Amino acid sequence: MAIARARATLSEQEVRELTGRYNQRLFRIARAIVGQDAAAEDVVQEAWVRALSSLDEFRGDAAFATWLTRILINEAYGWLRRQRPGVDFSAEAEPALRPHILQFPAASSRPDPEAVVANDEMRQALERSIDALPEPFRVIFVARVVEELSVDETAALFGLNPETVKTRLHRARAKLRRALESHVSPARAAAFQFDGARCERLTSAVLQRLGLGS
């Protein structure tokens, strides 16, 4: 019934516009939680189907992106619980720490081929270092730095108080600073890309499950 309502409410084009707008954020946050590309794609697909089948539950108390991301987070932690039953994923608040700030210098306006290669290598190094972070720090770093969400937005999404968000971000930056030998620049915006064919494949799967499209 829920999927039937979604089919009646949304057109294929509307679904494509929504997935094109939000897939990047959803994938990055899902991957930060589950730690695997394939699992993250599955989680994003499930979140879309659940959200688009429950549009009548969206009452506008929060932004659509916030509502959608909360569904995604619930799906991701649900996936983790199924993989590791009995494990409590509610992290304890961290003690206050002195902030360690990673510097992100502006990219050159005229990058040369060597710089492009270096940035790609740095992006890969950054992704590996982010993957190595403990999950409570990893998800906050991705939300705050990669997706550039505010402290309050991040706190609301993960059910944390703002001070905990700040503390975990400081700890994540400190760990990354120790892991990386040089400053991170344009690589942060390119981390965990989810566009092009990957975005289209997931959108097609969502449309198929909703009974929309050819």
N, C-alpha and C. Protein backbone atom coordinates (compact mmCIF):
# COMPACT_ATOMS: atom_id res chain seq x y z
N MET A 1 0.83 -1.21 0.00
CA MET A 1 0.00 0.00 0.00
C MET A 1 0.86 1.26 0.00
N ALA A 2 1.93 1.25 0.84
CA ALA A 2 2.77 2.45 0.92
C ALA A 2 3.45 2.74 -0.40
N ILE A 3 3.97 1.69 -1.05
CA ILE A 3 4.63 1.89 -2.34
C ILE A 3 3.62 2.31 -3.38
N ALA A 4 2.42 1.79 -3.31
CA ALA A 4 1.38 2.21 -4.25
C ALA A 4 1.07 3.69 -4.09
N ARG A 5 1.04 4.18 -2.84
CA ARG A 5 0.81 5.61 -2.62
C ARG A 5 1.95 6.44 -3.20
N ALA A 6 3.18 5.93 -3.05
CA ALA A 6 4.33 6.66 -3.60
C ALA A 6 4.23 6.75 -5.11
N ARG A 7 3.81 5.66 -5.75
CA ARG A 7 3.66 5.68 -7.21
C ARG A 7 2.62 6.69 -7.63
N ALA A 8 1.55 6.79 -6.84
CA ALA A 8 0.48 7.71 -7.18
C ALA A 8 0.87 9.16 -6.92
N THR A 9 1.79 9.38 -6.00
CA THR A 9 2.16 10.74 -5.59
C THR A 9 3.28 11.31 -6.44
N LEU A 10 4.24 10.48 -6.83
CA LEU A 10 5.46 10.96 -7.47
C LEU A 10 5.58 10.47 -8.90
N SER A 11 6.15 11.30 -9.73
CA SER A 11 6.48 10.89 -11.09
C SER A 11 7.92 10.40 -11.13
N GLU A 12 8.28 9.72 -12.22
CA GLU A 12 9.66 9.27 -12.37
C GLU A 12 10.62 10.46 -12.34
N GLN A 13 10.26 11.55 -13.00
CA GLN A 13 11.14 12.71 -13.05
C GLN A 13 11.35 13.31 -11.66
N GLU A 14 10.30 13.34 -10.86
CA GLU A 14 10.43 13.88 -9.50
C GLU A 14 11.36 13.03 -8.65
N VAL A 15 11.25 11.70 -8.80
CA VAL A 15 12.14 10.82 -8.05
C VAL A 15 13.58 11.04 -8.48
N ARG A 16 13.79 11.16 -9.79
CA ARG A 16 15.15 11.38 -10.30
C ARG A 16 15.72 12.70 -9.77
N GLU A 17 14.91 13.73 -9.72
CA GLU A 17 15.38 15.01 -9.20
C GLU A 17 15.77 14.91 -7.73
N LEU A 18 14.97 14.20 -6.95
CA LEU A 18 15.26 14.04 -5.53
C LEU A 18 16.53 13.22 -5.30
N THR A 19 16.64 12.09 -6.00
CA THR A 19 17.83 11.26 -5.79
C THR A 19 19.08 11.96 -6.29
N GLY A 20 18.97 12.68 -7.40
CA GLY A 20 20.12 13.43 -7.89
C GLY A 20 20.58 14.49 -6.92
N ARG A 21 19.64 15.07 -6.18
CA ARG A 21 19.98 16.14 -5.24
C ARG A 21 20.58 15.61 -3.95
N TYR A 22 20.10 14.45 -3.47
CA TYR A 22 20.48 14.01 -2.12
C TYR A 22 21.33 12.74 -2.06
N ASN A 23 21.52 12.04 -3.18
CA ASN A 23 22.27 10.78 -3.11
C ASN A 23 23.67 10.95 -2.56
N GLN A 24 24.35 12.04 -2.94
CA GLN A 24 25.72 12.24 -2.48
C GLN A 24 25.79 12.30 -0.95
N ARG A 25 24.93 13.14 -0.36
CA ARG A 25 24.93 13.24 1.10
C ARG A 25 24.57 11.91 1.74
N LEU A 26 23.52 11.26 1.24
CA LEU A 26 23.08 10.02 1.86
C LEU A 26 24.16 8.95 1.78
N PHE A 27 24.80 8.84 0.62
CA PHE A 27 25.84 7.81 0.47
C PHE A 27 27.00 8.08 1.42
N ARG A 28 27.44 9.32 1.49
CA ARG A 28 28.58 9.64 2.35
C ARG A 28 28.30 9.32 3.81
N ILE A 29 27.11 9.69 4.28
CA ILE A 29 26.79 9.44 5.69
C ILE A 29 26.57 7.96 5.93
N ALA A 30 25.90 7.27 5.00
CA ALA A 30 25.70 5.83 5.15
C ALA A 30 27.04 5.11 5.18
N ARG A 31 27.94 5.50 4.30
CA ARG A 31 29.25 4.84 4.26
C ARG A 31 30.05 5.12 5.52
N ALA A 32 29.90 6.32 6.06
CA ALA A 32 30.60 6.64 7.30
C ALA A 32 30.13 5.75 8.44
N ILE A 33 28.87 5.31 8.38
CA ILE A 33 28.33 4.46 9.44
C ILE A 33 28.67 2.99 9.20
N VAL A 34 28.41 2.49 7.98
CA VAL A 34 28.57 1.05 7.74
C VAL A 34 29.98 0.69 7.27
N GLY A 35 30.71 1.65 6.71
CA GLY A 35 32.11 1.41 6.35
C GLY A 35 32.35 0.63 5.09
N GLN A 36 31.32 0.39 4.27
CA GLN A 36 31.48 -0.38 3.04
C GLN A 36 30.67 0.26 1.92
N ASP A 37 31.25 0.31 0.72
CA ASP A 37 30.54 0.91 -0.41
C ASP A 37 29.24 0.19 -0.72
N ALA A 38 29.32 -1.15 -0.91
CA ALA A 38 28.15 -1.91 -1.33
C ALA A 38 27.04 -1.83 -0.29
N ALA A 39 27.40 -1.97 0.98
CA ALA A 39 26.41 -1.89 2.05
C ALA A 39 25.80 -0.50 2.11
N ALA A 40 26.62 0.53 1.89
CA ALA A 40 26.11 1.90 1.91
C ALA A 40 25.09 2.12 0.80
N GLU A 41 25.36 1.58 -0.39
CA GLU A 41 24.40 1.71 -1.49
C GLU A 41 23.08 1.02 -1.13
N ASP A 42 23.16 -0.17 -0.53
CA ASP A 42 21.94 -0.88 -0.12
C ASP A 42 21.16 -0.06 0.90
N VAL A 43 21.87 0.53 1.84
CA VAL A 43 21.22 1.34 2.88
C VAL A 43 20.54 2.56 2.26
N VAL A 44 21.22 3.22 1.33
CA VAL A 44 20.63 4.39 0.67
C VAL A 44 19.37 4.00 -0.09
N GLN A 45 19.44 2.88 -0.79
CA GLN A 45 18.26 2.43 -1.54
C GLN A 45 17.08 2.17 -0.59
N GLU A 46 17.36 1.47 0.51
CA GLU A 46 16.29 1.19 1.47
C GLU A 46 15.73 2.48 2.06
N ALA A 47 16.61 3.43 2.34
CA ALA A 47 16.15 4.70 2.91
C ALA A 47 15.24 5.44 1.94
N TRP A 48 15.61 5.43 0.65
CA TRP A 48 14.76 6.10 -0.34
C TRP A 48 13.38 5.44 -0.43
N VAL A 49 13.37 4.12 -0.50
CA VAL A 49 12.09 3.42 -0.61
C VAL A 49 11.23 3.70 0.61
N ARG A 50 11.84 3.65 1.79
CA ARG A 50 11.09 3.92 3.01
C ARG A 50 10.58 5.36 3.04
N ALA A 51 11.44 6.30 2.66
CA ALA A 51 11.04 7.72 2.71
C ALA A 51 9.96 8.03 1.69
N LEU A 52 10.16 7.58 0.46
CA LEU A 52 9.19 7.91 -0.59
C LEU A 52 7.88 7.17 -0.41
N SER A 53 7.92 6.08 0.34
CA SER A 53 6.68 5.35 0.64
C SER A 53 5.99 5.90 1.88
N SER A 54 6.62 6.87 2.53
CA SER A 54 6.07 7.43 3.77
C SER A 54 5.96 8.94 3.71
N LEU A 55 5.78 9.48 2.52
CA LEU A 55 5.75 10.94 2.37
C LEU A 55 4.63 11.58 3.17
N ASP A 56 3.54 10.82 3.39
CA ASP A 56 2.44 11.40 4.16
C ASP A 56 2.81 11.60 5.63
N GLU A 57 3.94 10.99 6.07
CA GLU A 57 4.40 11.18 7.44
C GLU A 57 5.30 12.40 7.59
N PHE A 58 5.73 12.98 6.46
CA PHE A 58 6.57 14.18 6.52
C PHE A 58 5.67 15.38 6.74
N ARG A 59 5.80 16.02 7.91
CA ARG A 59 4.89 17.09 8.30
C ARG A 59 5.53 18.47 8.23
N GLY A 60 6.76 18.53 7.78
CA GLY A 60 7.39 19.83 7.62
C GLY A 60 7.94 20.42 8.89
N ASP A 61 7.98 19.64 10.00
CA ASP A 61 8.56 20.15 11.24
C ASP A 61 10.07 20.39 11.07
N ALA A 62 10.70 19.61 10.22
CA ALA A 62 12.11 19.78 9.89
C ALA A 62 12.23 19.87 8.38
N ALA A 63 13.39 20.28 7.90
CA ALA A 63 13.62 20.32 6.46
C ALA A 63 13.53 18.91 5.89
N PHE A 64 13.12 18.81 4.62
CA PHE A 64 13.01 17.49 3.99
C PHE A 64 14.34 16.76 4.05
N ALA A 65 15.44 17.47 3.80
CA ALA A 65 16.76 16.84 3.82
C ALA A 65 17.07 16.25 5.20
N THR A 66 16.66 16.95 6.25
CA THR A 66 16.89 16.45 7.61
C THR A 66 16.06 15.21 7.87
N TRP A 67 14.79 15.26 7.50
CA TRP A 67 13.89 14.11 7.68
C TRP A 67 14.42 12.90 6.92
N LEU A 68 14.83 13.12 5.68
CA LEU A 68 15.36 12.04 4.84
C LEU A 68 16.65 11.47 5.43
N THR A 69 17.52 12.33 5.90
CA THR A 69 18.80 11.86 6.44
C THR A 69 18.60 11.08 7.73
N ARG A 70 17.62 11.47 8.53
CA ARG A 70 17.33 10.70 9.75
C ARG A 70 16.88 9.28 9.39
N ILE A 71 16.06 9.16 8.36
CA ILE A 71 15.64 7.84 7.91
C ILE A 71 16.86 7.04 7.48
N LEU A 72 17.74 7.68 6.74
CA LEU A 72 18.97 7.04 6.28
C LEU A 72 19.81 6.56 7.47
N ILE A 73 19.97 7.40 8.47
CA ILE A 73 20.78 7.04 9.64
C ILE A 73 20.16 5.85 10.37
N ASN A 74 18.84 5.84 10.52
CA ASN A 74 18.17 4.71 11.15
C ASN A 74 18.39 3.43 10.37
N GLU A 75 18.30 3.51 9.04
CA GLU A 75 18.53 2.34 8.19
C GLU A 75 19.97 1.84 8.34
N ALA A 76 20.92 2.79 8.39
CA ALA A 76 22.33 2.40 8.48
C ALA A 76 22.63 1.70 9.80
N TYR A 77 22.14 2.26 10.90
CA TYR A 77 22.38 1.62 12.19
C TYR A 77 21.60 0.31 12.31
N GLY A 78 20.45 0.24 11.64
CA GLY A 78 19.73 -1.03 11.59
C GLY A 78 20.55 -2.10 10.89
N TRP A 79 21.22 -1.70 9.81
CA TRP A 79 22.09 -2.64 9.09
C TRP A 79 23.21 -3.11 10.00
N LEU A 80 23.82 -2.18 10.73
CA LEU A 80 24.90 -2.56 11.64
C LEU A 80 24.42 -3.54 12.71
N ARG A 81 23.25 -3.28 13.26
CA ARG A 81 22.73 -4.17 14.31
C ARG A 81 22.48 -5.57 13.77
N ARG A 82 22.02 -5.66 12.53
CA ARG A 82 21.80 -6.99 11.94
C ARG A 82 23.12 -7.71 11.70
N GLN A 83 24.16 -6.95 11.38
CA GLN A 83 25.47 -7.57 11.16
C GLN A 83 26.13 -7.96 12.47
N ARG A 84 25.91 -7.16 13.51
CA ARG A 84 26.57 -7.41 14.80
C ARG A 84 25.54 -7.36 15.93
N PRO A 85 24.69 -8.37 16.02
CA PRO A 85 23.65 -8.36 17.06
C PRO A 85 24.27 -8.34 18.45
N GLY A 86 23.63 -7.59 19.32
CA GLY A 86 24.11 -7.51 20.70
C GLY A 86 25.07 -6.38 20.96
N VAL A 87 25.54 -5.71 19.89
CA VAL A 87 26.47 -4.60 20.06
C VAL A 87 25.68 -3.31 20.22
N ASP A 88 26.05 -2.52 21.23
CA ASP A 88 25.40 -1.23 21.47
C ASP A 88 26.14 -0.16 20.69
N PHE A 89 25.44 0.47 19.73
CA PHE A 89 26.08 1.48 18.89
C PHE A 89 25.85 2.89 19.39
N SER A 90 25.27 3.05 20.56
CA SER A 90 25.11 4.39 21.11
C SER A 90 26.41 4.77 21.81
N ALA A 91 27.19 5.65 21.18
CA ALA A 91 28.51 6.01 21.70
C ALA A 91 28.38 6.94 22.90
N GLU A 92 29.30 6.78 23.83
CA GLU A 92 29.34 7.66 24.99
C GLU A 92 29.95 9.00 24.60
N ALA A 93 29.52 10.06 25.26
CA ALA A 93 30.09 11.38 24.98
C ALA A 93 31.56 11.38 25.36
N GLU A 94 32.36 12.06 24.53
CA GLU A 94 33.80 12.12 24.76
C GLU A 94 34.14 13.28 25.68
N PRO A 95 35.21 13.16 26.47
CA PRO A 95 35.64 14.29 27.29
C PRO A 95 36.13 15.43 26.42
N ALA A 96 36.03 16.65 26.95
CA ALA A 96 36.47 17.82 26.18
C ALA A 96 37.96 17.72 25.89
N LEU A 97 38.31 18.05 24.66
CA LEU A 97 39.70 17.99 24.22
C LEU A 97 40.09 19.31 23.59
N ARG A 98 41.36 19.60 23.63
CA ARG A 98 41.85 20.79 22.95
C ARG A 98 41.71 20.58 21.45
N PRO A 99 41.12 21.51 20.70
CA PRO A 99 40.93 21.30 19.28
C PRO A 99 42.24 21.23 18.51
N HIS A 100 42.28 20.31 17.54
CA HIS A 100 43.38 20.23 16.59
C HIS A 100 42.78 20.48 15.21
N ILE A 101 43.11 21.58 14.61
CA ILE A 101 42.44 22.00 13.38
C ILE A 101 43.28 21.62 12.17
N LEU A 102 42.67 20.87 11.25
CA LEU A 102 43.31 20.61 9.96
C LEU A 102 43.15 21.83 9.08
N GLN A 103 44.22 22.27 8.48
CA GLN A 103 44.15 23.42 7.58
C GLN A 103 43.77 22.95 6.18
N PHE A 104 42.90 23.69 5.54
CA PHE A 104 42.48 23.38 4.18
C PHE A 104 42.79 24.57 3.28
N PRO A 105 44.02 24.69 2.76
CA PRO A 105 44.36 25.83 1.93
C PRO A 105 43.57 25.84 0.64
N ALA A 106 43.39 27.03 0.09
CA ALA A 106 42.63 27.17 -1.16
C ALA A 106 43.37 26.48 -2.29
N ALA A 107 42.57 25.89 -3.19
CA ALA A 107 43.16 25.21 -4.34
C ALA A 107 43.72 26.22 -5.32
N SER A 108 44.77 25.83 -6.04
CA SER A 108 45.34 26.70 -7.06
C SER A 108 44.34 26.92 -8.18
N SER A 109 44.30 28.13 -8.71
CA SER A 109 43.38 28.42 -9.81
C SER A 109 43.85 27.84 -11.12
N ARG A 110 45.15 27.41 -11.20
CA ARG A 110 45.69 26.83 -12.42
C ARG A 110 46.42 25.53 -12.07
N PRO A 111 45.68 24.46 -11.79
CA PRO A 111 46.34 23.22 -11.40
C PRO A 111 47.08 22.60 -12.58
N ASP A 112 48.30 22.10 -12.33
CA ASP A 112 49.03 21.40 -13.37
C ASP A 112 48.79 19.91 -13.22
N PRO A 113 49.21 19.10 -14.23
CA PRO A 113 48.93 17.65 -14.16
C PRO A 113 49.47 17.00 -12.90
N GLU A 114 50.68 17.43 -12.47
CA GLU A 114 51.24 16.85 -11.25
C GLU A 114 50.36 17.16 -10.04
N ALA A 115 49.80 18.38 -10.03
CA ALA A 115 48.93 18.75 -8.91
C ALA A 115 47.66 17.92 -8.91
N VAL A 116 47.13 17.65 -10.12
CA VAL A 116 45.92 16.83 -10.22
C VAL A 116 46.19 15.44 -9.66
N VAL A 117 47.31 14.85 -10.05
CA VAL A 117 47.67 13.52 -9.55
C VAL A 117 47.86 13.55 -8.04
N ALA A 118 48.55 14.58 -7.57
CA ALA A 118 48.78 14.70 -6.13
C ALA A 118 47.47 14.82 -5.37
N ASN A 119 46.53 15.61 -5.91
CA ASN A 119 45.24 15.76 -5.24
C ASN A 119 44.47 14.45 -5.21
N ASP A 120 44.56 13.67 -6.31
CA ASP A 120 43.88 12.38 -6.34
C ASP A 120 44.49 11.44 -5.31
N GLU A 121 45.81 11.45 -5.21
CA GLU A 121 46.47 10.61 -4.21
C GLU A 121 46.09 11.05 -2.80
N MET A 122 46.00 12.38 -2.60
CA MET A 122 45.62 12.89 -1.29
C MET A 122 44.18 12.50 -0.96
N ARG A 123 43.29 12.56 -1.97
CA ARG A 123 41.90 12.17 -1.74
C ARG A 123 41.84 10.72 -1.28
N GLN A 124 42.60 9.84 -1.95
CA GLN A 124 42.59 8.44 -1.56
C GLN A 124 43.16 8.25 -0.16
N ALA A 125 44.22 9.00 0.14
CA ALA A 125 44.79 8.91 1.49
C ALA A 125 43.80 9.41 2.53
N LEU A 126 43.08 10.48 2.20
CA LEU A 126 42.08 11.01 3.12
C LEU A 126 40.97 10.01 3.35
N GLU A 127 40.49 9.37 2.27
CA GLU A 127 39.42 8.39 2.42
C GLU A 127 39.87 7.23 3.31
N ARG A 128 41.11 6.76 3.10
CA ARG A 128 41.61 5.66 3.95
C ARG A 128 41.70 6.09 5.41
N SER A 129 42.15 7.32 5.63
CA SER A 129 42.28 7.81 7.00
C SER A 129 40.92 7.99 7.66
N ILE A 130 39.94 8.49 6.89
CA ILE A 130 38.59 8.63 7.43
C ILE A 130 38.02 7.26 7.77
N ASP A 131 38.23 6.28 6.87
CA ASP A 131 37.74 4.92 7.14
C ASP A 131 38.32 4.36 8.43
N ALA A 132 39.55 4.75 8.75
CA ALA A 132 40.22 4.20 9.93
C ALA A 132 39.75 4.84 11.24
N LEU A 133 39.00 5.93 11.15
CA LEU A 133 38.49 6.57 12.37
C LEU A 133 37.46 5.67 13.04
N PRO A 134 37.37 5.68 14.37
CA PRO A 134 36.26 5.00 15.04
C PRO A 134 34.93 5.57 14.55
N GLU A 135 33.93 4.73 14.45
CA GLU A 135 32.65 5.15 13.85
C GLU A 135 32.05 6.41 14.46
N PRO A 136 32.04 6.60 15.79
CA PRO A 136 31.44 7.83 16.33
C PRO A 136 32.12 9.10 15.83
N PHE A 137 33.44 9.03 15.60
CA PHE A 137 34.16 10.20 15.09
C PHE A 137 34.02 10.32 13.57
N ARG A 138 34.00 9.15 12.91
CA ARG A 138 33.92 9.15 11.44
C ARG A 138 32.64 9.80 10.95
N VAL A 139 31.51 9.45 11.56
CA VAL A 139 30.24 9.99 11.07
C VAL A 139 30.16 11.50 11.31
N ILE A 140 30.70 11.96 12.41
CA ILE A 140 30.68 13.40 12.69
C ILE A 140 31.60 14.14 11.73
N PHE A 141 32.78 13.59 11.45
CA PHE A 141 33.69 14.25 10.51
C PHE A 141 33.06 14.36 9.13
N VAL A 142 32.45 13.28 8.66
CA VAL A 142 31.82 13.30 7.33
C VAL A 142 30.69 14.32 7.29
N ALA A 143 29.86 14.32 8.32
CA ALA A 143 28.73 15.26 8.34
C ALA A 143 29.21 16.71 8.40
N ARG A 144 30.17 16.99 9.28
CA ARG A 144 30.58 18.38 9.50
C ARG A 144 31.55 18.90 8.44
N VAL A 145 32.52 18.09 8.04
CA VAL A 145 33.58 18.59 7.16
C VAL A 145 33.33 18.23 5.70
N VAL A 146 32.98 16.98 5.43
CA VAL A 146 32.76 16.58 4.04
C VAL A 146 31.44 17.14 3.52
N GLU A 147 30.36 16.97 4.29
CA GLU A 147 29.05 17.47 3.87
C GLU A 147 28.78 18.90 4.31
N GLU A 148 29.63 19.44 5.17
CA GLU A 148 29.55 20.83 5.62
C GLU A 148 28.23 21.17 6.31
N LEU A 149 27.71 20.21 7.09
CA LEU A 149 26.53 20.49 7.90
C LEU A 149 26.95 21.30 9.12
N SER A 150 26.03 22.08 9.66
CA SER A 150 26.33 22.87 10.84
C SER A 150 26.39 21.98 12.08
N VAL A 151 26.92 22.54 13.16
CA VAL A 151 26.95 21.80 14.43
C VAL A 151 25.54 21.42 14.85
N ASP A 152 24.61 22.37 14.77
CA ASP A 152 23.24 22.10 15.20
C ASP A 152 22.57 21.06 14.31
N GLU A 153 22.78 21.13 13.00
CA GLU A 153 22.21 20.14 12.09
C GLU A 153 22.74 18.75 12.42
N THR A 154 24.04 18.65 12.62
CA THR A 154 24.65 17.36 12.92
C THR A 154 24.15 16.82 14.25
N ALA A 155 24.06 17.68 15.24
CA ALA A 155 23.57 17.25 16.55
C ALA A 155 22.15 16.72 16.45
N ALA A 156 21.30 17.42 15.69
CA ALA A 156 19.91 16.99 15.54
C ALA A 156 19.82 15.65 14.82
N LEU A 157 20.63 15.46 13.79
CA LEU A 157 20.58 14.22 13.02
C LEU A 157 20.96 13.01 13.86
N PHE A 158 21.99 13.15 14.70
CA PHE A 158 22.50 12.00 15.43
C PHE A 158 22.05 11.96 16.89
N GLY A 159 21.16 12.88 17.28
CA GLY A 159 20.65 12.86 18.64
C GLY A 159 21.70 13.17 19.68
N LEU A 160 22.61 14.08 19.36
CA LEU A 160 23.69 14.45 20.27
C LEU A 160 23.54 15.90 20.70
N ASN A 161 24.22 16.28 21.78
CA ASN A 161 24.23 17.70 22.10
C ASN A 161 25.36 18.37 21.31
N PRO A 162 25.26 19.65 21.02
CA PRO A 162 26.26 20.32 20.18
C PRO A 162 27.69 20.21 20.70
N GLU A 163 27.86 20.23 22.02
CA GLU A 163 29.22 20.13 22.57
C GLU A 163 29.85 18.78 22.26
N THR A 164 29.03 17.73 22.26
CA THR A 164 29.55 16.41 21.90
C THR A 164 29.98 16.38 20.45
N VAL A 165 29.20 17.02 19.58
CA VAL A 165 29.57 17.10 18.16
C VAL A 165 30.91 17.80 18.01
N LYS A 166 31.08 18.93 18.70
CA LYS A 166 32.34 19.68 18.60
C LYS A 166 33.51 18.85 19.11
N THR A 167 33.30 18.16 20.22
CA THR A 167 34.38 17.37 20.81
C THR A 167 34.79 16.24 19.89
N ARG A 168 33.81 15.54 19.33
CA ARG A 168 34.14 14.43 18.44
C ARG A 168 34.81 14.91 17.16
N LEU A 169 34.40 16.08 16.68
CA LEU A 169 35.06 16.62 15.50
C LEU A 169 36.51 16.96 15.81
N HIS A 170 36.76 17.56 16.97
CA HIS A 170 38.14 17.86 17.35
C HIS A 170 38.97 16.58 17.44
N ARG A 171 38.40 15.54 18.04
CA ARG A 171 39.13 14.27 18.16
C ARG A 171 39.39 13.68 16.77
N ALA A 172 38.38 13.73 15.89
CA ALA A 172 38.57 13.19 14.54
C ALA A 172 39.67 13.94 13.80
N ARG A 173 39.66 15.26 13.91
CA ARG A 173 40.69 16.05 13.24
C ARG A 173 42.08 15.74 13.78
N ALA A 174 42.16 15.55 15.09
CA ALA A 174 43.46 15.22 15.70
C ALA A 174 43.98 13.89 15.16
N LYS A 175 43.09 12.89 15.07
CA LYS A 175 43.49 11.59 14.56
C LYS A 175 43.91 11.69 13.09
N LEU A 176 43.15 12.44 12.30
CA LEU A 176 43.49 12.59 10.89
C LEU A 176 44.80 13.35 10.71
N ARG A 177 45.00 14.34 11.55
CA ARG A 177 46.24 15.12 11.45
C ARG A 177 47.45 14.23 11.69
N ARG A 178 47.32 13.30 12.61
CA ARG A 178 48.42 12.38 12.86
C ARG A 178 48.59 11.40 11.70
N ALA A 179 47.49 11.07 11.03
CA ALA A 179 47.54 10.08 9.96
C ALA A 179 48.04 10.66 8.63
N LEU A 180 47.82 11.93 8.42
CA LEU A 180 48.19 12.56 7.15
C LEU A 180 49.44 13.40 7.32
N GLU A 181 50.34 13.31 6.39
CA GLU A 181 51.61 14.03 6.51
C GLU A 181 51.53 15.45 5.96
N SER A 182 50.55 15.71 5.14
CA SER A 182 50.45 17.05 4.56
C SER A 182 49.01 17.54 4.64
N HIS A 183 48.80 18.79 4.34
CA HIS A 183 47.48 19.39 4.42
C HIS A 183 46.55 18.82 3.36
N VAL A 184 45.26 18.77 3.73
CA VAL A 184 44.23 18.29 2.82
C VAL A 184 43.57 19.51 2.20
N SER A 185 43.37 19.47 0.87
CA SER A 185 42.77 20.64 0.21
C SER A 185 41.54 20.25 -0.57
N PRO A 186 41.58 20.29 -1.93
CA PRO A 186 40.35 19.98 -2.65
C PRO A 186 39.90 18.55 -2.47
N ALA A 187 40.80 17.70 -1.94
CA ALA A 187 40.45 16.29 -1.78
C ALA A 187 39.23 16.09 -0.92
N ARG A 188 39.00 16.93 0.07
CA ARG A 188 37.89 16.71 0.99
C ARG A 188 36.55 16.75 0.29
N ALA A 189 36.40 17.64 -0.71
CA ALA A 189 35.13 17.76 -1.41
C ALA A 189 34.91 16.61 -2.38
N ALA A 190 36.00 15.90 -2.74
CA ALA A 190 35.88 14.80 -3.70
C ALA A 190 35.80 13.45 -3.02
N ALA A 191 35.87 13.41 -1.71
CA ALA A 191 35.89 12.13 -1.01
C ALA A 191 34.57 11.40 -1.15
N PHE A 192 34.65 10.08 -1.37
CA PHE A 192 33.48 9.20 -1.45
C PHE A 192 32.46 9.72 -2.46
N GLN A 193 32.91 9.97 -3.68
CA GLN A 193 32.01 10.46 -4.72
C GLN A 193 30.91 9.44 -5.00
N PHE A 194 29.73 9.94 -5.23
CA PHE A 194 28.60 9.07 -5.58
C PHE A 194 27.77 9.81 -6.61
N ASP A 195 28.21 9.77 -7.85
CA ASP A 195 27.51 10.47 -8.91
C ASP A 195 27.61 9.64 -10.19
N GLY A 196 27.21 10.23 -11.31
CA GLY A 196 27.33 9.54 -12.58
C GLY A 196 26.60 8.21 -12.60
N ALA A 197 27.30 7.17 -13.08
CA ALA A 197 26.68 5.86 -13.26
C ALA A 197 26.21 5.26 -11.94
N ARG A 198 26.96 5.48 -10.87
CA ARG A 198 26.56 4.91 -9.58
C ARG A 198 25.25 5.53 -9.10
N CYS A 199 25.15 6.84 -9.22
CA CYS A 199 23.93 7.53 -8.82
C CYS A 199 22.75 7.06 -9.67
N GLU A 200 22.98 6.93 -10.98
CA GLU A 200 21.91 6.52 -11.89
C GLU A 200 21.47 5.09 -11.60
N ARG A 201 22.43 4.19 -11.29
CA ARG A 201 22.08 2.81 -11.00
C ARG A 201 21.19 2.72 -9.77
N LEU A 202 21.53 3.48 -8.73
CA LEU A 202 20.72 3.44 -7.52
C LEU A 202 19.35 4.04 -7.76
N THR A 203 19.30 5.15 -8.51
CA THR A 203 18.01 5.77 -8.83
C THR A 203 17.13 4.80 -9.59
N SER A 204 17.70 4.07 -10.56
CA SER A 204 16.92 3.10 -11.34
C SER A 204 16.37 2.00 -10.45
N ALA A 205 17.17 1.56 -9.47
CA ALA A 205 16.70 0.52 -8.55
C ALA A 205 15.55 1.03 -7.70
N VAL A 206 15.64 2.28 -7.22
CA VAL A 206 14.55 2.86 -6.44
C VAL A 206 13.29 2.98 -7.28
N LEU A 207 13.43 3.47 -8.51
CA LEU A 207 12.28 3.61 -9.41
C LEU A 207 11.63 2.26 -9.68
N GLN A 208 12.46 1.22 -9.88
CA GLN A 208 11.93 -0.11 -10.15
C GLN A 208 11.13 -0.62 -8.95
N ARG A 209 11.65 -0.40 -7.75
CA ARG A 209 10.95 -0.88 -6.56
C ARG A 209 9.66 -0.11 -6.31
N LEU A 210 9.62 1.14 -6.77
CA LEU A 210 8.40 1.93 -6.63
C LEU A 210 7.43 1.72 -7.79
N GLY A 211 7.85 0.95 -8.79
CA GLY A 211 7.00 0.70 -9.94
C GLY A 211 6.89 1.89 -10.86
N LEU A 212 7.91 2.74 -10.89
CA LEU A 212 7.93 3.92 -11.74
C LEU A 212 8.98 3.76 -12.83
N GLY A 213 8.79 4.42 -13.95
CA GLY A 213 9.77 4.40 -15.02
C GLY A 213 9.60 3.19 -15.90
N SER A 214 10.43 3.18 -16.95
CA SER A 214 10.32 2.10 -17.93
C SER A 214 11.15 0.91 -17.51
